[in-house]
Amino acid sequence: MATTNLDSADMKAAQAGGLIREDVMDKIWQIDHITLPFTSRAGKSTCDNEYTEWTVAELADPVLTNKVVDGADVTGNDTRLGNRLGNHCQESVKIVQVSDRANASDTIGRDKERSFQTAERQKELKQDIEATSLTMQASIADDGATVAGQSAGVFAFVKTNISAGATGTHPGFNNSTKLVDAGTPGTKRAFSEKLMRDVAQMVYMEGGDERDTLVLMCRPPVKRLIDEYSFTSSARIATQTTEVGGGPGMAVGYIDVFKSDFNGLQLVSNRLQPVTATATSTVGIFNFEFINLCYLQGHHMVELARTGLAEKWLMSVDWCTQVLNEKAIGAIYDVDEAVPMTAT
């Protein structure tokens, strides 16, 4: 029932938006503290040109007939040349444009609109690098006209220690073109304990187990498949152990390390890791001693020329991935995230 008083409803209904400042909490509730599991673990390096190169070498296989007669002259030459690999850098950018009035206004949750916007866009730029690094995209040379340079993703390099679905192709670095060719997704299939053990064994056989524990990185749905499978009767896993300091009543329904015959696998979920098709993704087994993020120019911000009553800021980073030796890494391609994990 309306009153004859001049009440708050009357003031809110006054012309031009009312006379009472709305009770808006002076805080922005953001979900932006997203971890970067890949880029935080990768090494860091720099390069002097947009195409960066490195060499890889490996030992010859053991020779079971390696014997000579005492005092005999030696013949032959056992020296070996390494292979020369490379990747192109790509320039990733974010742009902020804020009017002078917006910057001067009393805004909710921040002192200056420009400062808030640039800080948020910097976070997005780092997320872009995290996600792009975990793709199968090819490397592309910048032509200075219409084609932007592009860094190959880590999973485009990996071609040796792999398991792929039918029709999937993973050519890796092309010595003729000096480009990393894109991988082609195959037919999706269920993830399995056997696939995990098989690829871990491949990495071991190629000598990529210099660390006691490698990192198995996957999307959250796949991590959940592993956890749920591990507590079934089908799992070929010994009694799980954990040290819980949270007191009685705590239920543990996950595993964080899988110890295979050849190496330990630290299970890391990455919410920024992209899919390769609907509900289909790649599981990586990483030795981060052999993975770098390389910067031609690191993260920086410059103010652009004014053309009116607004500030314009450009944030950029010139970067690429370096897979120093793809034989130290494993990949299980074409994992179906929608079906339960199996034993075989």
Protein backbone atom coordinates (compact mmCIF):
# COMPACT_ATOMS: atom_id res chain seq x y z
CA MET A 1 0.00 0.00 0.00
CA ALA A 2 1.41 3.39 -1.01
CA THR A 3 2.18 5.96 1.70
CA THR A 4 1.98 9.77 1.61
CA ASN A 5 5.61 9.99 2.67
CA LEU A 6 8.47 10.78 0.32
CA ASP A 7 9.94 7.31 0.55
CA SER A 8 12.86 5.52 -1.11
CA ALA A 9 10.61 4.08 -3.82
CA ASP A 10 9.66 7.61 -4.84
CA MET A 11 13.31 8.66 -4.94
CA LYS A 12 14.33 5.63 -7.01
CA ALA A 13 11.52 6.41 -9.43
CA ALA A 14 12.55 10.04 -9.84
CA GLN A 15 13.42 11.28 -13.31
CA ALA A 16 16.87 10.47 -14.76
CA GLY A 17 17.47 7.31 -12.79
CA GLY A 18 16.51 8.24 -9.26
CA LEU A 19 18.17 9.99 -6.36
CA ILE A 20 19.43 7.04 -4.31
CA ARG A 21 22.67 5.29 -5.16
CA GLU A 22 21.87 1.60 -5.47
CA ASP A 23 23.35 -0.70 -2.83
CA VAL A 24 25.89 -2.41 -5.08
CA MET A 25 28.66 -4.29 -3.31
CA ASP A 26 31.94 -2.60 -4.10
CA LYS A 27 33.65 -5.78 -5.23
CA ILE A 28 33.81 -7.82 -8.39
CA TRP A 29 33.48 -11.54 -7.79
CA GLN A 30 35.85 -13.00 -10.33
CA ILE A 31 36.72 -16.57 -11.20
CA ASP A 32 40.08 -15.73 -12.67
CA HIS A 33 42.66 -17.42 -10.45
CA ILE A 34 43.13 -20.20 -12.97
CA THR A 35 46.34 -22.20 -12.68
CA LEU A 36 48.63 -22.78 -15.65
CA PRO A 37 49.89 -26.35 -15.13
CA PHE A 38 51.77 -26.56 -18.43
CA THR A 39 53.47 -23.18 -18.72
CA SER A 40 54.35 -23.09 -15.02
CA ARG A 41 56.28 -26.38 -15.40
CA ALA A 42 57.90 -25.77 -18.79
CA GLY A 43 61.39 -24.32 -18.95
CA LYS A 44 61.99 -20.79 -20.20
CA SER A 45 64.33 -19.73 -22.98
CA THR A 46 64.85 -16.85 -25.38
CA CYS A 47 65.60 -16.58 -29.08
CA ASP A 48 66.98 -13.89 -31.37
CA ASN A 49 64.86 -14.56 -34.46
CA GLU A 50 61.28 -15.57 -35.15
CA TYR A 51 62.48 -18.99 -36.30
CA THR A 52 64.35 -20.71 -33.50
CA GLU A 53 66.34 -23.92 -33.98
CA TRP A 54 67.99 -26.54 -31.81
CA THR A 55 69.65 -29.93 -32.37
CA VAL A 56 68.83 -33.35 -31.01
CA ALA A 57 71.10 -36.35 -30.71
CA GLU A 58 70.76 -39.90 -29.50
CA LEU A 59 72.97 -42.89 -28.83
CA ALA A 60 73.20 -45.77 -31.28
CA ASP A 61 71.59 -49.06 -30.35
CA PRO A 62 73.82 -51.51 -28.47
CA VAL A 63 76.03 -53.63 -30.77
CA LEU A 64 76.18 -57.22 -29.58
CA THR A 65 79.16 -58.04 -31.81
CA ASN A 66 81.36 -55.18 -30.62
CA LYS A 67 84.74 -56.92 -30.39
CA VAL A 68 88.14 -56.57 -32.07
CA VAL A 69 91.33 -58.60 -32.18
CA ASP A 70 93.99 -57.38 -29.81
CA GLY A 71 96.36 -55.05 -31.64
CA ALA A 72 94.26 -54.86 -34.81
CA ASP A 73 93.98 -51.62 -36.77
CA VAL A 74 90.63 -49.88 -36.36
CA THR A 75 88.37 -49.03 -39.27
CA GLY A 76 85.07 -47.27 -39.75
CA ASN A 77 83.63 -44.14 -38.15
CA ASP A 78 81.08 -44.18 -35.36
CA THR A 79 80.48 -40.43 -35.16
CA ARG A 80 76.82 -39.41 -35.50
CA LEU A 81 75.20 -36.18 -36.60
CA GLY A 82 72.24 -34.87 -34.66
CA ASN A 83 69.04 -33.64 -36.26
CA ARG A 84 68.26 -29.94 -36.47
CA LEU A 85 64.72 -28.93 -35.48
CA GLY A 86 62.93 -25.61 -35.29
CA ASN A 87 59.72 -23.75 -34.62
CA HIS A 88 58.25 -20.40 -35.64
CA CYS A 89 57.22 -17.80 -33.11
CA GLN A 90 53.77 -16.29 -33.00
CA GLU A 91 52.72 -12.89 -31.71
CA SER A 92 49.73 -13.01 -29.38
CA VAL A 93 48.02 -9.76 -28.41
CA LYS A 94 45.26 -8.19 -26.34
CA ILE A 95 43.99 -4.63 -26.80
CA VAL A 96 42.35 -2.39 -24.24
CA GLN A 97 40.55 0.85 -25.12
CA VAL A 98 39.05 2.88 -22.28
CA SER A 99 37.56 6.35 -22.57
CA ASP A 100 38.84 9.16 -20.36
CA ARG A 101 35.41 9.48 -18.76
CA ALA A 102 35.24 5.77 -17.96
CA ASN A 103 38.70 5.94 -16.46
CA ALA A 104 37.78 8.91 -14.29
CA SER A 105 34.45 7.53 -13.12
CA ASP A 106 33.77 6.02 -9.70
CA THR A 107 33.54 2.38 -10.74
CA ILE A 108 32.68 -0.76 -8.79
CA GLY A 109 35.51 -2.92 -7.51
CA ARG A 110 38.50 -1.03 -8.89
CA ASP A 111 40.22 2.35 -8.75
CA LYS A 112 40.92 2.83 -12.44
CA GLU A 113 39.10 1.08 -15.26
CA ARG A 114 42.19 0.96 -17.46
CA SER A 115 44.28 -0.71 -14.75
CA PHE A 116 41.58 -3.30 -14.15
CA GLN A 117 41.12 -4.05 -17.85
CA THR A 118 44.83 -4.41 -18.59
CA ALA A 119 45.37 -6.73 -15.62
CA GLU A 120 42.49 -8.97 -16.73
CA ARG A 121 43.62 -9.09 -20.34
CA GLN A 122 47.14 -10.05 -19.28
CA LYS A 123 45.67 -13.06 -17.52
CA GLU A 124 43.76 -13.97 -20.68
CA LEU A 125 46.95 -13.70 -22.73
CA LYS A 126 48.68 -16.21 -20.47
CA GLN A 127 45.70 -18.55 -20.74
CA ASP A 128 45.85 -18.29 -24.54
CA ILE A 129 49.48 -19.45 -24.48
CA GLU A 130 48.69 -22.31 -22.09
CA ALA A 131 45.89 -23.65 -24.28
CA THR A 132 47.65 -23.10 -27.61
CA SER A 133 50.79 -24.89 -26.41
CA LEU A 134 48.75 -28.07 -25.86
CA THR A 135 47.42 -28.36 -29.41
CA MET A 136 48.43 -30.33 -32.50
CA GLN A 137 48.59 -27.19 -34.63
CA ALA A 138 51.34 -26.85 -37.23
CA SER A 139 54.08 -24.24 -37.32
CA ILE A 140 53.65 -21.49 -39.91
CA ALA A 141 56.11 -18.87 -41.14
CA ASP A 142 54.93 -15.25 -41.06
CA ASP A 143 54.93 -13.78 -44.59
CA GLY A 144 54.68 -10.17 -43.44
CA ALA A 145 51.49 -9.67 -45.44
CA THR A 146 48.45 -11.86 -44.82
CA VAL A 147 49.76 -14.98 -43.04
CA ALA A 148 50.49 -14.72 -39.33
CA GLY A 149 53.32 -16.72 -37.83
CA GLN A 150 52.26 -19.69 -35.73
CA SER A 151 53.99 -21.85 -33.16
CA ALA A 152 53.52 -25.59 -33.40
CA GLY A 153 51.80 -27.08 -30.37
CA VAL A 154 53.58 -29.67 -28.26
CA PHE A 155 51.37 -32.49 -29.49
CA ALA A 156 52.29 -31.68 -33.10
CA PHE A 157 55.92 -32.60 -32.32
CA VAL A 158 55.23 -35.97 -30.69
CA LYS A 159 55.38 -38.85 -33.17
CA THR A 160 57.47 -41.64 -31.57
CA ASN A 161 55.96 -42.59 -28.20
CA ILE A 162 52.32 -42.46 -29.19
CA SER A 163 49.06 -44.33 -29.33
CA ALA A 164 46.53 -43.00 -31.83
CA GLY A 165 43.06 -43.91 -32.96
CA ALA A 166 42.45 -45.39 -36.40
CA THR A 167 43.23 -42.98 -39.28
CA GLY A 168 45.10 -40.58 -36.97
CA THR A 169 48.39 -39.24 -38.35
CA HIS A 170 51.22 -37.54 -36.45
CA PRO A 171 54.13 -36.70 -38.78
CA GLY A 172 55.99 -34.30 -36.46
CA PHE A 173 58.87 -32.16 -37.71
CA ASN A 174 59.41 -32.13 -41.48
CA ASN A 175 63.10 -31.95 -42.35
CA SER A 176 62.37 -30.86 -45.91
CA THR A 177 60.18 -27.87 -45.11
CA LYS A 178 61.62 -27.14 -41.64
CA LEU A 179 58.03 -26.96 -40.40
CA VAL A 180 56.17 -29.02 -37.83
CA ASP A 181 53.20 -30.59 -39.59
CA ALA A 182 49.82 -30.65 -37.90
CA GLY A 183 48.51 -33.86 -36.42
CA THR A 184 45.26 -35.32 -37.74
CA PRO A 185 42.79 -36.67 -35.16
CA GLY A 186 41.82 -40.31 -35.51
CA THR A 187 38.84 -42.35 -34.36
CA LYS A 188 38.14 -41.78 -30.69
CA ARG A 189 38.37 -44.75 -28.33
CA ALA A 190 38.16 -45.49 -24.63
CA PHE A 191 41.11 -44.63 -22.44
CA SER A 192 42.67 -47.66 -20.78
CA GLU A 193 45.24 -48.66 -18.21
CA LYS A 194 47.07 -50.60 -20.93
CA LEU A 195 47.38 -47.49 -23.11
CA MET A 196 48.83 -45.60 -20.15
CA ARG A 197 51.33 -48.35 -19.35
CA ASP A 198 52.27 -48.90 -23.01
CA VAL A 199 53.14 -45.26 -23.68
CA ALA A 200 54.97 -44.93 -20.33
CA GLN A 201 57.06 -47.94 -21.41
CA MET A 202 57.75 -46.32 -24.79
CA VAL A 203 59.07 -43.19 -23.09
CA TYR A 204 61.29 -45.34 -20.86
CA MET A 205 62.67 -47.33 -23.80
CA GLU A 206 63.59 -44.11 -25.60
CA GLY A 207 65.42 -42.82 -22.51
CA GLY A 208 62.95 -40.08 -21.65
CA ASP A 209 62.66 -40.98 -17.97
CA GLU A 210 65.46 -38.83 -16.54
CA ARG A 211 63.08 -37.65 -13.85
CA ASP A 212 61.78 -40.14 -11.32
CA THR A 213 58.27 -38.87 -11.89
CA LEU A 214 56.88 -37.68 -15.21
CA VAL A 215 53.71 -35.64 -15.55
CA LEU A 216 50.60 -37.17 -17.06
CA MET A 217 48.53 -34.15 -18.08
CA CYS A 218 44.93 -34.43 -19.21
CA ARG A 219 41.61 -32.64 -19.27
CA PRO A 220 39.43 -32.82 -16.12
CA PRO A 221 36.96 -35.38 -17.60
CA VAL A 222 39.85 -37.77 -18.28
CA LYS A 223 41.32 -37.28 -14.81
CA ARG A 224 37.93 -38.23 -13.40
CA LEU A 225 37.82 -41.34 -15.62
CA ILE A 226 41.19 -42.41 -14.19
CA ASP A 227 40.10 -41.82 -10.60
CA GLU A 228 36.80 -43.67 -11.01
CA TYR A 229 38.47 -46.60 -12.76
CA SER A 230 41.17 -46.87 -10.11
CA PHE A 231 38.60 -47.77 -7.43
CA THR A 232 36.94 -50.54 -9.45
CA SER A 233 37.62 -54.26 -9.32
CA SER A 234 38.89 -54.10 -12.92
CA ALA A 235 41.88 -51.95 -12.02
CA ARG A 236 45.18 -53.83 -12.04
CA ILE A 237 46.52 -51.59 -9.30
CA ALA A 238 48.01 -52.57 -5.94
CA THR A 239 46.62 -51.21 -2.68
CA GLN A 240 46.54 -47.45 -2.88
CA THR A 241 48.32 -45.53 -0.16
CA THR A 242 47.87 -41.99 0.99
CA GLU A 243 48.93 -39.76 3.83
CA VAL A 244 45.89 -37.89 5.07
CA GLY A 245 46.31 -35.26 7.75
CA GLY A 246 42.76 -34.03 7.80
CA GLY A 247 41.59 -36.21 10.63
CA PRO A 248 38.93 -38.93 10.70
CA GLY A 249 35.98 -38.88 8.34
CA MET A 250 37.88 -37.85 5.21
CA ALA A 251 37.08 -39.95 2.15
CA VAL A 252 39.71 -40.13 -0.59
CA GLY A 253 38.35 -40.81 -4.06
CA TYR A 254 41.25 -39.93 -6.33
CA ILE A 255 44.86 -40.83 -7.09
CA ASP A 256 47.59 -38.29 -7.73
CA VAL A 257 50.51 -40.55 -8.71
CA PHE A 258 50.42 -43.74 -10.77
CA LYS A 259 53.56 -45.86 -10.38
CA SER A 260 54.17 -47.97 -13.45
CA ASP A 261 56.95 -50.53 -13.98
CA PHE A 262 59.13 -47.85 -15.54
CA ASN A 263 58.35 -44.44 -14.05
CA GLY A 264 55.99 -42.60 -11.79
CA LEU A 265 53.26 -40.54 -13.42
CA GLN A 266 52.04 -37.48 -11.55
CA LEU A 267 48.43 -37.02 -12.63
CA VAL A 268 47.70 -33.37 -13.37
CA SER A 269 44.35 -32.03 -14.54
CA ASN A 270 44.40 -29.01 -16.86
CA ARG A 271 41.11 -27.19 -17.43
CA LEU A 272 42.66 -25.13 -20.25
CA GLN A 273 43.80 -28.13 -22.27
CA PRO A 274 41.70 -28.06 -25.47
CA VAL A 275 39.67 -30.83 -27.04
CA THR A 276 40.56 -32.19 -30.48
CA ALA A 277 36.91 -32.98 -31.25
CA THR A 278 33.70 -33.14 -29.23
CA ALA A 279 34.45 -34.94 -25.92
CA THR A 280 37.78 -36.11 -27.39
CA SER A 281 41.24 -35.09 -26.24
CA THR A 282 44.91 -36.00 -25.91
CA VAL A 283 46.69 -37.29 -22.81
CA GLY A 284 50.32 -36.21 -22.54
CA ILE A 285 53.18 -37.83 -20.63
CA PHE A 286 55.69 -35.03 -20.20
CA ASN A 287 59.30 -34.86 -19.13
CA PHE A 288 59.55 -31.10 -18.67
CA GLU A 289 63.34 -31.22 -18.87
CA PHE A 290 62.76 -31.35 -22.64
CA ILE A 291 60.04 -28.68 -23.01
CA ASN A 292 60.58 -24.92 -23.14
CA LEU A 293 58.49 -21.87 -23.74
CA CYS A 294 60.74 -19.67 -25.84
CA TYR A 295 60.34 -15.90 -26.06
CA LEU A 296 61.54 -13.63 -28.84
CA GLN A 297 59.95 -10.82 -26.84
CA GLY A 298 58.36 -11.34 -23.44
CA HIS A 299 55.08 -9.98 -22.11
CA HIS A 300 55.00 -6.22 -22.47
CA MET A 301 52.51 -3.38 -22.76
CA VAL A 302 52.70 -0.16 -24.76
CA GLU A 303 50.33 2.79 -25.05
CA LEU A 304 49.12 3.45 -28.59
CA ALA A 305 48.69 6.90 -30.09
CA ARG A 306 45.52 8.72 -29.10
CA THR A 307 42.90 9.50 -31.72
CA GLY A 308 40.33 10.96 -29.36
CA LEU A 309 39.09 10.89 -25.78
CA ALA A 310 40.31 7.39 -24.98
CA GLU A 311 43.42 5.52 -23.93
CA LYS A 312 44.56 2.61 -26.10
CA TRP A 313 46.92 -0.04 -24.80
CA LEU A 314 48.47 -3.00 -26.58
CA MET A 315 49.68 -6.08 -24.69
CA SER A 316 51.73 -8.60 -26.62
CA VAL A 317 54.11 -11.51 -26.36
CA ASP A 318 56.20 -13.14 -29.11
CA TRP A 319 56.66 -16.82 -28.25
CA CYS A 320 56.83 -20.45 -29.34
CA THR A 321 57.15 -23.93 -27.87
CA GLN A 322 60.41 -25.85 -27.99
CA VAL A 323 60.22 -29.63 -27.77
CA LEU A 324 63.93 -30.29 -27.36
CA ASN A 325 63.55 -34.01 -28.01
CA GLU A 326 60.12 -35.44 -28.72
CA LYS A 327 61.29 -38.94 -27.74
CA ALA A 328 61.22 -37.82 -24.10
CA ILE A 329 57.47 -37.25 -24.35
CA GLY A 330 54.49 -39.53 -24.85
CA ALA A 331 51.01 -38.87 -26.21
CA ILE A 332 47.80 -40.87 -26.15
CA TYR A 333 45.66 -39.33 -28.85
CA ASP A 334 41.91 -39.59 -29.49
CA VAL A 335 40.74 -40.36 -25.95
CA ASP A 336 36.95 -40.57 -25.66
CA GLU A 337 36.00 -38.57 -22.56
CA ALA A 338 32.42 -39.86 -22.54
CA VAL A 339 33.07 -43.57 -21.88
CA PRO A 340 34.55 -45.23 -18.78
CA MET A 341 38.21 -46.12 -18.64
CA THR A 342 38.97 -49.82 -19.11
CA ALA A 343 41.77 -52.19 -18.18
CA THR A 344 42.75 -53.07 -21.77
